[in-house]
Amino acid sequence: MRSVRGGLSHRELGSRGWLRGAPPPWWVRVLPVLLLGGVTAATVITPDARDAGFVLGAIPPLAVLSYGPLATALLGAGVVAVLNVPATHLNRPGNTDLLTIVFVAVLSVFVSYVRSRRDAQLDTERAIGEAVQRAVMPLLPERVGNVGCAGFYRAAQDGTLVGGDFFDVRAGPYGVRAVMGDVQGHGLSAVSTVVSLLGAFREAVLDEPDLESVAARMDRRLAVDSAAVRHAELFATGVLLEFAPDGRAVRLVTCGHPAPVLLHEQDALELTLVPGPPLGIGLVGVGPPKEVTVTLGPGDRLFLASDGVWEARDADDAFYPLPARLATLTGTASAELPGAVWTELVERGYEVRDDVTMLVLAPAPTAA
């Protein structure tokens, strides 16, 4: 199994994504060369095509979008050369017209130089940003202990790898534990809270003997972070899991987060859990979340998803029926299951308004 995170937000920028820093599409890159070759060929074949010579003036500015200063200079020189070759019937431009095209070509080289420097700086900043975000949420391993893992993460804010959702799977002295959560808000503004909660979870996995104590540690972390901020209203939902060493049972605690879906043979059943309050809320008179144990059979898997999946809406404003759709996908391999759900959301036209996070956990029962 493998983890898929973040890449979709870069690959699905759309038809104009290249204007925001992504590489331009292939047709933009070849357009200046095609125009230069096409106009040259047409004017060589017939003198009647000389009126198309004005198109040559657009080639250097178009080259700026795709090429560096050297290639832009070569294309500009090619335009000037074509204008002065007798065979093209374009060798009689006025001095003013020729000087104008030369000026545009030189200016295009300068703009291309500035753009190349800017792109290099943006690439460096993007690489640093991605390294920081991956440090927050490293790629999920294929297996943690005896539990197979497959994750999917798509931040709602384009160009980011981490938003308001988070998940992690860790092995500790009390077994393999996993968490999925959703911080208030999304995008880069929620990353600091994600860092705090993941840090609290990773420490508690090593120290706390039960999931209720792990949830309490994460709740305290949020309470401390928001204590100095007036009306911070900082909270997060979360679900915690702990797999038995033999893989035949899982213990769960949920704090306002949607319950996992159990994939058992050909069925997909949403587990019934008694939810506790979200982390950081501290509601008066509301008790802490209660741990529930669920027995697992051979081949059983748990599918966890964030609100971005559960609350996706179609054209009729109906929610995505996740358990029903998962029942039709029980034959899909765990590594491909999150991607299959995302493909359905896209192809069926569901509107996704939040970060999309999915996690498949497949314990491998050991012999008695």
Foldseek 3Di string as FASTA:
>chain_A
DWEAFAPVLQVPCPQCNVVVQDAHDPCLQCVLVCLLVVLLVVLLVDVVSLVVLVVLLCSLLSNLSHDALVVSLVSLVSNLVSCCDVSSVNNDDDPVVSVVSNVSSVVSSVSSNVVVVVSVVVVVVLVVQQVVLCVLPPIADQDEQQKGKYKYWHFPDRSHRFWQWDKHWHQEPQAIKIKIKGWPGIDPVNSVLSSQLVVLLVVCRHPPNDVLVSLVSSLVSLQVVCVVPPPPPTWMWMKMWGADNQRFKIKIATAPWFAWWKLDPLFTHGDDADHFHTRNPPDPPTDGTDIDMDTHDAPMKIKGKGCLQQCFAAPVNDGDPVRVVVSVVSVPDQNCVVVVSVVCCVVRHTDGDGMIMMMMMHGHGDDD
